[in-house]
PDB file of N, CA and C in Angstrom:
ATOM      1  N   UNK A   1     -33.636  38.022  86.298  1.00  0.00           N
ATOM      2  CA  UNK A   1     -34.046  38.697  85.089  1.00  0.00           C
ATOM      3  C   UNK A   1     -35.386  39.427  85.307  1.00  0.00           C
ATOM      4  N   UNK A   2     -36.339  38.747  85.972  1.00  0.00           N
ATOM      5  CA  UNK A   2     -37.635  39.357  86.236  1.00  0.00           C
ATOM      6  C   UNK A   2     -37.481  40.600  87.106  1.00  0.00           C
ATOM      7  N   UNK A   3     -36.647  40.523  88.124  1.00  0.00           N
ATOM      8  CA  UNK A   3     -36.444  41.681  89.006  1.00  0.00           C
ATOM      9  C   UNK A   3     -35.817  42.846  88.255  1.00  0.00           C
ATOM     10  N   UNK A   4     -34.930  42.562  87.309  1.00  0.00           N
ATOM     11  CA  UNK A   4     -34.328  43.624  86.500  1.00  0.00           C
ATOM     12  C   UNK A   4     -35.391  44.296  85.630  1.00  0.00           C
ATOM     13  N   UNK A   5     -36.296  43.497  85.069  1.00  0.00           N
ATOM     14  CA  UNK A   5     -37.390  44.050  84.275  1.00  0.00           C
ATOM     15  C   UNK A   5     -38.281  44.951  85.147  1.00  0.00           C
ATOM     16  N   UNK A   6     -38.622  44.465  86.331  1.00  0.00           N
ATOM     17  CA  UNK A   6     -39.456  45.254  87.227  1.00  0.00           C
ATOM     18  C   UNK A   6     -38.780  46.570  87.608  1.00  0.00           C
ATOM     19  N   UNK A   7     -37.489  46.528  87.829  1.00  0.00           N
ATOM     20  CA  UNK A   7     -36.745  47.749  88.168  1.00  0.00           C
ATOM     21  C   UNK A   7     -36.753  48.728  86.996  1.00  0.00           C
ATOM     22  N   UNK A   8     -36.505  48.247  85.779  1.00  0.00           N
ATOM     23  CA  UNK A   8     -36.540  49.124  84.590  1.00  0.00           C
ATOM     24  C   UNK A   8     -37.931  49.725  84.406  1.00  0.00           C
ATOM     25  N   UNK A   9     -38.954  48.906  84.634  1.00  0.00           N
ATOM     26  CA  UNK A   9     -40.322  49.376  84.505  1.00  0.00           C
ATOM     27  C   UNK A   9     -40.626  50.456  85.537  1.00  0.00           C
ATOM     28  N   UNK A  10     -40.175  50.253  86.749  1.00  0.00           N
ATOM     29  CA  UNK A  10     -40.387  51.244  87.807  1.00  0.00           C
ATOM     30  C   UNK A  10     -39.668  52.558  87.481  1.00  0.00           C
ATOM     31  N   UNK A  11     -38.447  52.474  87.003  1.00  0.00           N
ATOM     32  CA  UNK A  11     -37.686  53.677  86.632  1.00  0.00           C
ATOM     33  C   UNK A  11     -38.400  54.423  85.509  1.00  0.00           C
ATOM     34  N   UNK A  12     -38.863  53.698  84.490  1.00  0.00           N
ATOM     35  CA  UNK A  12     -39.559  54.327  83.365  1.00  0.00           C
ATOM     36  C   UNK A  12     -40.846  54.999  83.835  1.00  0.00           C
ATOM     37  N   UNK A  13     -41.597  54.329  84.690  1.00  0.00           N
ATOM     38  CA  UNK A  13     -42.835  54.900  85.204  1.00  0.00           C
ATOM     39  C   UNK A  13     -42.550  56.170  86.015  1.00  0.00           C
ATOM     40  N   UNK A  14     -41.513  56.139  86.806  1.00  0.00           N
ATOM     41  CA  UNK A  14     -41.132  57.305  87.605  1.00  0.00           C
ATOM     42  C   UNK A  14     -40.767  58.480  86.697  1.00  0.00           C
ATOM     43  N   UNK A  15     -40.025  58.211  85.633  1.00  0.00           N
ATOM     44  CA  UNK A  15     -39.648  59.262  84.683  1.00  0.00           C
ATOM     45  C   UNK A  15     -40.879  59.834  83.972  1.00  0.00           C
ATOM     46  N   UNK A  16     -41.798  58.955  83.570  1.00  0.00           N
ATOM     47  CA  UNK A  16     -43.023  59.417  82.913  1.00  0.00           C
ATOM     48  C   UNK A  16     -43.828  60.324  83.835  1.00  0.00           C
ATOM     49  N   UNK A  17     -43.987  59.912  85.083  1.00  0.00           N
ATOM     50  CA  UNK A  17     -44.737  60.722  86.051  1.00  0.00           C
ATOM     51  C   UNK A  17     -44.032  62.050  86.323  1.00  0.00           C
ATOM     52  N   UNK A  18     -42.705  62.035  86.372  1.00  0.00           N
ATOM     53  CA  UNK A  18     -41.953  63.271  86.618  1.00  0.00           C
ATOM     54  C   UNK A  18     -42.154  64.266  85.481  1.00  0.00           C
ATOM     55  N   UNK A  19     -42.165  63.774  84.249  1.00  0.00           N
ATOM     56  CA  UNK A  19     -42.395  64.656  83.103  1.00  0.00           C
ATOM     57  C   UNK A  19     -43.779  65.281  83.187  1.00  0.00           C
ATOM     58  N   UNK A  20     -44.776  64.481  83.494  1.00  0.00           N
ATOM     59  CA  UNK A  20     -46.128  65.015  83.612  1.00  0.00           C
ATOM     60  C   UNK A  20     -46.213  66.039  84.736  1.00  0.00           C
ATOM     61  N   UNK A  21     -45.555  65.794  85.842  1.00  0.00           N
ATOM     62  CA  UNK A  21     -45.559  66.751  86.948  1.00  0.00           C
ATOM     63  C   UNK A  21     -44.886  68.067  86.545  1.00  0.00           C
ATOM     64  N   UNK A  22     -43.805  67.999  85.768  1.00  0.00           N
ATOM     65  CA  UNK A  22     -43.157  69.225  85.279  1.00  0.00           C
ATOM     66  C   UNK A  22     -44.097  70.007  84.367  1.00  0.00           C
ATOM     67  N   UNK A  23     -44.829  69.294  83.498  1.00  0.00           N
ATOM     68  CA  UNK A  23     -45.800  69.971  82.639  1.00  0.00           C
ATOM     69  C   UNK A  23     -46.863  70.675  83.482  1.00  0.00           C
ATOM     70  N   UNK A  24     -47.389  69.965  84.464  1.00  0.00           N
ATOM     71  CA  UNK A  24     -48.423  70.556  85.320  1.00  0.00           C
ATOM     72  C   UNK A  24     -47.893  71.773  86.065  1.00  0.00           C
ATOM     73  N   UNK A  25     -46.678  71.683  86.559  1.00  0.00           N
ATOM     74  CA  UNK A  25     -46.069  72.807  87.277  1.00  0.00           C
ATOM     75  C   UNK A  25     -45.931  74.013  86.349  1.00  0.00           C
ATOM     76  N   UNK A  26     -45.476  73.777  85.128  1.00  0.00           N
ATOM     77  CA  UNK A  26     -45.323  74.852  84.146  1.00  0.00           C
ATOM     78  C   UNK A  26     -46.663  75.509  83.852  1.00  0.00           C
ATOM     79  N   UNK A  27     -47.714  74.693  83.808  1.00  0.00           N
ATOM     80  CA  UNK A  27     -49.056  75.208  83.522  1.00  0.00           C
ATOM     81  C   UNK A  27     -49.739  75.803  84.748  1.00  0.00           C
ATOM     82  N   UNK A  28     -49.145  75.613  85.928  1.00  0.00           N
ATOM     83  CA  UNK A  28     -49.768  76.088  87.153  1.00  0.00           C
ATOM     84  C   UNK A  28     -50.964  75.244  87.573  1.00  0.00           C
ATOM     85  N   UNK A  29     -50.964  73.979  87.172  1.00  0.00           N
ATOM     86  CA  UNK A  29     -52.066  73.077  87.507  1.00  0.00           C
ATOM     87  C   UNK A  29     -51.584  72.021  88.492  1.00  0.00           C
ATOM     88  N   UNK A  30     -52.535  71.453  89.220  1.00  0.00           N
ATOM     89  CA  UNK A  30     -52.171  70.394  90.154  1.00  0.00           C
ATOM     90  C   UNK A  30     -52.682  69.026  89.716  1.00  0.00           C
ATOM     91  N   UNK A  31     -53.635  69.020  88.797  1.00  0.00           N
ATOM     92  CA  UNK A  31     -54.157  67.740  88.319  1.00  0.00           C
ATOM     93  C   UNK A  31     -54.126  67.697  86.793  1.00  0.00           C
ATOM     94  N   UNK A  32     -53.910  66.505  86.288  1.00  0.00           N
ATOM     95  CA  UNK A  32     -53.838  66.345  84.843  1.00  0.00           C
ATOM     96  C   UNK A  32     -55.233  66.281  84.238  1.00  0.00           C
ATOM     97  N   UNK A  33     -55.306  66.529  82.957  1.00  0.00           N
ATOM     98  CA  UNK A  33     -56.520  66.383  82.186  1.00  0.00           C
ATOM     99  C   UNK A  33     -56.580  64.943  81.686  1.00  0.00           C
ATOM    100  N   UNK A  34     -57.739  64.338  81.730  1.00  0.00           N
ATOM    101  CA  UNK A  34     -57.876  62.966  81.239  1.00  0.00           C
ATOM    102  C   UNK A  34     -57.796  62.930  79.714  1.00  0.00           C
ATOM    103  N   UNK A  35     -57.212  61.876  79.207  1.00  0.00           N
ATOM    104  CA  UNK A  35     -57.195  61.657  77.764  1.00  0.00           C
ATOM    105  C   UNK A  35     -58.567  61.163  77.326  1.00  0.00           C
ATOM    106  N   UNK A  36     -58.879  61.361  76.056  1.00  0.00           N
ATOM    107  CA  UNK A  36     -60.160  60.930  75.524  1.00  0.00           C
ATOM    108  C   UNK A  36     -60.205  59.410  75.444  1.00  0.00           C
ATOM    109  N   UNK A  37     -61.223  58.827  76.045  1.00  0.00           N
ATOM    110  CA  UNK A  37     -61.357  57.375  76.123  1.00  0.00           C
ATOM    111  C   UNK A  37     -62.034  56.835  74.870  1.00  0.00           C
ATOM    112  N   UNK A  38     -61.443  55.787  74.317  1.00  0.00           N
ATOM    113  CA  UNK A  38     -62.037  55.062  73.198  1.00  0.00           C
ATOM    114  C   UNK A  38     -62.684  53.817  73.781  1.00  0.00           C
ATOM    115  N   UNK A  39     -63.967  53.663  73.590  1.00  0.00           N
ATOM    116  CA  UNK A  39     -64.696  52.596  74.278  1.00  0.00           C
ATOM    117  C   UNK A  39     -64.417  51.196  73.753  1.00  0.00           C
ATOM    118  N   UNK A  40     -63.815  51.095  72.594  1.00  0.00           N
ATOM    119  CA  UNK A  40     -63.501  49.761  72.086  1.00  0.00           C
ATOM    120  C   UNK A  40     -61.992  49.574  72.045  1.00  0.00           C
ATOM    121  N   UNK A  41     -61.573  48.351  71.997  1.00  0.00           N
ATOM    122  CA  UNK A  41     -60.148  48.034  71.962  1.00  0.00           C
ATOM    123  C   UNK A  41     -59.544  48.462  70.632  1.00  0.00           C
ATOM    124  N   UNK A  42     -58.321  48.893  70.683  1.00  0.00           N
ATOM    125  CA  UNK A  42     -57.574  49.242  69.481  1.00  0.00           C
ATOM    126  C   UNK A  42     -56.942  47.966  68.931  1.00  0.00           C
ATOM    127  N   UNK A  43     -57.534  47.430  67.896  1.00  0.00           N
ATOM    128  CA  UNK A  43     -56.994  46.218  67.275  1.00  0.00           C
ATOM    129  C   UNK A  43     -56.187  46.629  66.055  1.00  0.00           C
ATOM    130  N   UNK A  44     -55.040  46.031  65.891  1.00  0.00           N
ATOM    131  CA  UNK A  44     -54.131  46.412  64.823  1.00  0.00           C
ATOM    132  C   UNK A  44     -53.415  45.164  64.327  1.00  0.00           C
ATOM    133  N   UNK A  45     -53.316  45.033  63.035  1.00  0.00           N
ATOM    134  CA  UNK A  45     -52.579  43.913  62.465  1.00  0.00           C
ATOM    135  C   UNK A  45     -51.618  44.446  61.414  1.00  0.00           C
ATOM    136  N   UNK A  46     -50.695  43.626  61.005  1.00  0.00           N
ATOM    137  CA  UNK A  46     -49.728  44.038  59.982  1.00  0.00           C
ATOM    138  C   UNK A  46     -50.443  44.414  58.688  1.00  0.00           C
ATOM    139  N   UNK A  47     -51.555  43.767  58.402  1.00  0.00           N
ATOM    140  CA  UNK A  47     -52.319  44.094  57.192  1.00  0.00           C
ATOM    141  C   UNK A  47     -52.898  45.505  57.245  1.00  0.00           C
ATOM    142  N   UNK A  48     -53.162  45.992  58.459  1.00  0.00           N
ATOM    143  CA  UNK A  48     -53.727  47.335  58.618  1.00  0.00           C
ATOM    144  C   UNK A  48     -52.731  48.437  58.262  1.00  0.00           C
ATOM    145  N   UNK A  49     -51.442  48.150  58.396  1.00  0.00           N
ATOM    146  CA  UNK A  49     -50.437  49.199  58.246  1.00  0.00           C
ATOM    147  C   UNK A  49     -50.493  49.876  56.885  1.00  0.00           C
ATOM    148  N   UNK A  50     -50.516  49.114  55.813  1.00  0.00           N
ATOM    149  CA  UNK A  50     -50.561  49.706  54.474  1.00  0.00           C
ATOM    150  C   UNK A  50     -51.828  50.494  54.246  1.00  0.00           C
ATOM    151  N   UNK A  51     -52.950  49.939  54.664  1.00  0.00           N
ATOM    152  CA  UNK A  51     -54.220  50.655  54.508  1.00  0.00           C
ATOM    153  C   UNK A  51     -54.228  51.928  55.346  1.00  0.00           C
ATOM    154  N   UNK A  52     -53.650  51.856  56.513  1.00  0.00           N
ATOM    155  CA  UNK A  52     -53.657  53.007  57.403  1.00  0.00           C
ATOM    156  C   UNK A  52     -52.899  54.178  56.791  1.00  0.00           C
ATOM    157  N   UNK A  53     -51.755  53.900  56.237  1.00  0.00           N
ATOM    158  CA  UNK A  53     -50.953  54.995  55.678  1.00  0.00           C
ATOM    159  C   UNK A  53     -51.477  55.490  54.337  1.00  0.00           C
ATOM    160  N   UNK A  54     -52.446  54.791  53.761  1.00  0.00           N
ATOM    161  CA  UNK A  54     -52.903  55.167  52.428  1.00  0.00           C
ATOM    162  C   UNK A  54     -54.108  56.103  52.439  1.00  0.00           C
ATOM    163  N   UNK A  55     -54.654  56.433  53.595  1.00  0.00           N
ATOM    164  CA  UNK A  55     -55.806  57.332  53.636  1.00  0.00           C
ATOM    165  C   UNK A  55     -55.423  58.650  54.292  1.00  0.00           C
ATOM    166  N   UNK A  56     -56.036  59.722  53.818  1.00  0.00           N
ATOM    167  CA  UNK A  56     -55.752  61.048  54.377  1.00  0.00           C
ATOM    168  C   UNK A  56     -56.157  61.140  55.845  1.00  0.00           C
ATOM    169  N   UNK A  57     -57.310  60.589  56.194  1.00  0.00           N
ATOM    170  CA  UNK A  57     -57.764  60.702  57.583  1.00  0.00           C
ATOM    171  C   UNK A  57     -56.830  59.943  58.523  1.00  0.00           C
ATOM    172  N   UNK A  58     -56.336  58.803  58.086  1.00  0.00           N
ATOM    173  CA  UNK A  58     -55.399  58.047  58.926  1.00  0.00           C
ATOM    174  C   UNK A  58     -54.082  58.790  59.066  1.00  0.00           C
ATOM    175  N   UNK A  59     -53.599  59.370  57.981  1.00  0.00           N
ATOM    176  CA  UNK A  59     -52.343  60.129  58.065  1.00  0.00           C
ATOM    177  C   UNK A  59     -52.480  61.332  58.991  1.00  0.00           C
ATOM    178  N   UNK A  60     -53.648  61.931  59.037  1.00  0.00           N
ATOM    179  CA  UNK A  60     -53.866  63.066  59.948  1.00  0.00           C
ATOM    180  C   UNK A  60     -53.875  62.614  61.406  1.00  0.00           C
ATOM    181  N   UNK A  61     -54.233  61.354  61.668  1.00  0.00           N
ATOM    182  CA  UNK A  61     -54.279  60.857  63.045  1.00  0.00           C
ATOM    183  C   UNK A  61     -52.907  60.440  63.561  1.00  0.00           C
ATOM    184  N   UNK A  62     -51.949  60.216  62.688  1.00  0.00           N
ATOM    185  CA  UNK A  62     -50.640  59.716  63.123  1.00  0.00           C
ATOM    186  C   UNK A  62     -49.972  60.649  64.132  1.00  0.00           C
ATOM    187  N   UNK A  63     -49.918  61.972  63.906  1.00  0.00           N
ATOM    188  CA  UNK A  63     -49.307  62.838  64.936  1.00  0.00           C
ATOM    189  C   UNK A  63     -50.008  62.727  66.289  1.00  0.00           C
ATOM    190  N   UNK A  64     -51.333  62.580  66.259  1.00  0.00           N
ATOM    191  CA  UNK A  64     -52.081  62.412  67.509  1.00  0.00           C
ATOM    192  C   UNK A  64     -51.679  61.117  68.198  1.00  0.00           C
ATOM    193  N   UNK A  65     -51.613  60.042  67.448  1.00  0.00           N
ATOM    194  CA  UNK A  65     -51.234  58.757  68.025  1.00  0.00           C
ATOM    195  C   UNK A  65     -49.846  58.841  68.643  1.00  0.00           C
ATOM    196  N   UNK A  66     -48.908  59.438  67.933  1.00  0.00           N
ATOM    197  CA  UNK A  66     -47.538  59.544  68.437  1.00  0.00           C
ATOM    198  C   UNK A  66     -47.443  60.435  69.661  1.00  0.00           C
ATOM    199  N   UNK A  67     -48.302  61.429  69.753  1.00  0.00           N
ATOM    200  CA  UNK A  67     -48.239  62.344  70.898  1.00  0.00           C
ATOM    201  C   UNK A  67     -48.617  61.649  72.201  1.00  0.00           C
ATOM    202  N   UNK A  68     -49.323  60.543  72.120  1.00  0.00           N
ATOM    203  CA  UNK A  68     -49.726  59.808  73.322  1.00  0.00           C
ATOM    204  C   UNK A  68     -48.743  58.717  73.714  1.00  0.00           C
ATOM    205  N   UNK A  69     -47.647  58.583  72.979  1.00  0.00           N
ATOM    206  CA  UNK A  69     -46.622  57.629  73.403  1.00  0.00           C
ATOM    207  C   UNK A  69     -45.884  58.234  74.590  1.00  0.00           C
ATOM    208  N   UNK A  70     -45.749  57.467  75.661  1.00  0.00           N
ATOM    209  CA  UNK A  70     -45.068  57.985  76.844  1.00  0.00           C
ATOM    210  C   UNK A  70     -43.581  58.153  76.555  1.00  0.00           C
ATOM    211  N   UNK A  71     -42.882  58.979  77.323  1.00  0.00           N
ATOM    212  CA  UNK A  71     -41.440  59.131  77.128  1.00  0.00           C
ATOM    213  C   UNK A  71     -40.686  57.797  77.205  1.00  0.00           C
ATOM    214  N   UNK A  72     -41.215  56.857  77.978  1.00  0.00           N
ATOM    215  CA  UNK A  72     -40.544  55.560  78.080  1.00  0.00           C
ATOM    216  C   UNK A  72     -40.954  54.599  76.969  1.00  0.00           C
ATOM    217  N   UNK A  73     -41.873  55.015  76.103  1.00  0.00           N
ATOM    218  CA  UNK A  73     -42.224  54.214  74.934  1.00  0.00           C
ATOM    219  C   UNK A  73     -43.500  53.411  75.013  1.00  0.00           C
ATOM    220  N   UNK A  74     -44.253  53.515  76.094  1.00  0.00           N
ATOM    221  CA  UNK A  74     -45.480  52.711  76.182  1.00  0.00           C
ATOM    222  C   UNK A  74     -46.665  53.445  75.536  1.00  0.00           C
ATOM    223  N   UNK A  75     -47.729  52.700  75.321  1.00  0.00           N
ATOM    224  CA  UNK A  75     -48.921  53.223  74.659  1.00  0.00           C
ATOM    225  C   UNK A  75     -50.171  52.725  75.377  1.00  0.00           C
ATOM    226  N   UNK A  76     -51.179  53.550  75.430  1.00  0.00           N
ATOM    227  CA  UNK A  76     -52.495  53.104  75.864  1.00  0.00           C
ATOM    228  C   UNK A  76     -53.251  52.643  74.627  1.00  0.00           C
ATOM    229  N   UNK A  77     -54.019  51.605  74.768  1.00  0.00           N
ATOM    230  CA  UNK A  77     -54.771  51.095  73.620  1.00  0.00           C
ATOM    231  C   UNK A  77     -56.194  51.631  73.573  1.00  0.00           C
ATOM    232  N   UNK A  78     -56.520  52.549  74.454  1.00  0.00           N
ATOM    233  CA  UNK A  78     -57.886  53.062  74.512  1.00  0.00           C
ATOM    234  C   UNK A  78     -57.949  54.589  74.369  1.00  0.00           C
ATOM    235  N   UNK A  79     -57.007  55.159  73.635  1.00  0.00           N
ATOM    236  CA  UNK A  79     -57.006  56.596  73.371  1.00  0.00           C
ATOM    237  C   UNK A  79     -57.737  56.845  72.057  1.00  0.00           C
ATOM    238  N   UNK A  80     -58.608  57.825  72.050  1.00  0.00           N
ATOM    239  CA  UNK A  80     -59.296  58.202  70.818  1.00  0.00           C
ATOM    240  C   UNK A  80     -58.433  59.224  70.085  1.00  0.00           C
ATOM    241  N   UNK A  81     -57.593  58.733  69.183  1.00  0.00           N
ATOM    242  CA  UNK A  81     -56.644  59.590  68.464  1.00  0.00           C
ATOM    243  C   UNK A  81     -57.318  60.560  67.512  1.00  0.00           C
ATOM    244  N   UNK A  82     -58.572  60.332  67.198  1.00  0.00           N
ATOM    245  CA  UNK A  82     -59.265  61.237  66.281  1.00  0.00           C
ATOM    246  C   UNK A  82     -59.603  62.572  66.935  1.00  0.00           C
ATOM    247  N   UNK A  83     -59.411  62.678  68.258  1.00  0.00           N
ATOM    248  CA  UNK A  83     -59.766  63.897  68.986  1.00  0.00           C
ATOM    249  C   UNK A  83     -58.629  64.906  69.073  1.00  0.00           C
ATOM    250  N   UNK A  84     -57.501  64.617  68.433  1.00  0.00           N
ATOM    251  CA  UNK A  84     -56.391  65.566  68.422  1.00  0.00           C
ATOM    252  C   UNK A  84     -55.218  65.102  69.267  1.00  0.00           C
ATOM    253  N   UNK A  85     -54.146  65.865  69.194  1.00  0.00           N
ATOM    254  CA  UNK A  85     -52.903  65.520  69.872  1.00  0.00           C
ATOM    255  C   UNK A  85     -53.000  65.745  71.382  1.00  0.00           C
ATOM    256  N   UNK A  86     -52.189  64.986  72.103  1.00  0.00           N
ATOM    257  CA  UNK A  86     -52.073  65.150  73.548  1.00  0.00           C
ATOM    258  C   UNK A  86     -51.562  66.553  73.846  1.00  0.00           C
ATOM    259  N   UNK A  87     -52.154  67.185  74.853  1.00  0.00           N
ATOM    260  CA  UNK A  87     -51.753  68.520  75.261  1.00  0.00           C
ATOM    261  C   UNK A  87     -50.919  68.441  76.540  1.00  0.00           C
ATOM    262  N   UNK A  88     -50.040  69.422  76.784  1.00  0.00           N
ATOM    263  CA  UNK A  88     -49.285  69.433  78.039  1.00  0.00           C
ATOM    264  C   UNK A  88     -50.237  69.342  79.234  1.00  0.00           C
ATOM    265  N   UNK A  89     -49.862  68.507  80.182  1.00  0.00           N
ATOM    266  CA  UNK A  89     -50.688  68.316  81.365  1.00  0.00           C
ATOM    267  C   UNK A  89     -51.792  67.293  81.199  1.00  0.00           C
ATOM    268  N   UNK A  90     -51.886  66.716  80.017  1.00  0.00           N
ATOM    269  CA  UNK A  90     -52.910  65.700  79.759  1.00  0.00           C
ATOM    270  C   UNK A  90     -52.302  64.317  79.964  1.00  0.00           C
ATOM    271  N   UNK A  91     -53.083  63.425  80.515  1.00  0.00           N
ATOM    272  CA  UNK A  91     -52.625  62.050  80.747  1.00  0.00           C
ATOM    273  C   UNK A  91     -52.258  61.367  79.442  1.00  0.00           C
ATOM    274  N   UNK A  92     -51.319  60.451  79.517  1.00  0.00           N
ATOM    275  CA  UNK A  92     -50.981  59.623  78.369  1.00  0.00           C
ATOM    276  C   UNK A  92     -51.952  58.458  78.241  1.00  0.00           C
ATOM    277  N   UNK A  93     -52.781  58.263  79.250  1.00  0.00           N
ATOM    278  CA  UNK A  93     -53.677  57.101  79.299  1.00  0.00           C
ATOM    279  C   UNK A  93     -55.111  57.536  79.515  1.00  0.00           C
ATOM    280  N   UNK A  94     -56.006  56.748  78.997  1.00  0.00           N
ATOM    281  CA  UNK A  94     -57.423  57.005  79.267  1.00  0.00           C
ATOM    282  C   UNK A  94     -57.996  55.929  80.163  1.00  0.00           C
ATOM    283  N   UNK A  95     -57.254  54.852  80.350  1.00  0.00           N
ATOM    284  CA  UNK A  95     -57.749  53.725  81.135  1.00  0.00           C
ATOM    285  C   UNK A  95     -57.134  53.698  82.514  1.00  0.00           C
TER     286      UNK A  95
END
C-alpha cells in the first residue's frame, strides 16, 4: 500500500512539473518565478470557514488561493494569497 502511494505521489509530482515546464516554454522562460512567501504558518480551522467567507477581503483572496493549488491537488501553506493570483510560470510553492 505504501509503495502504491509513493508511486501515485511520484506520478502527480511529475505531472505538476510537466505543466510548469509547458508554461515556461510558452513564455520563453527557462526558470520559474518564485511565489510570494508568507513568513508565518497558515493555520485554518473549521470555525474559520464561516468567518472567511463572510468578509469582502477574504472573498477577494479565494481566487488567489485556488490559483496556487497544484494540478494534482496539493497546496503550499506558506503562500501569501493577498498578493494576487498565481501567474503562468510561477511556482506553486514558496517553501
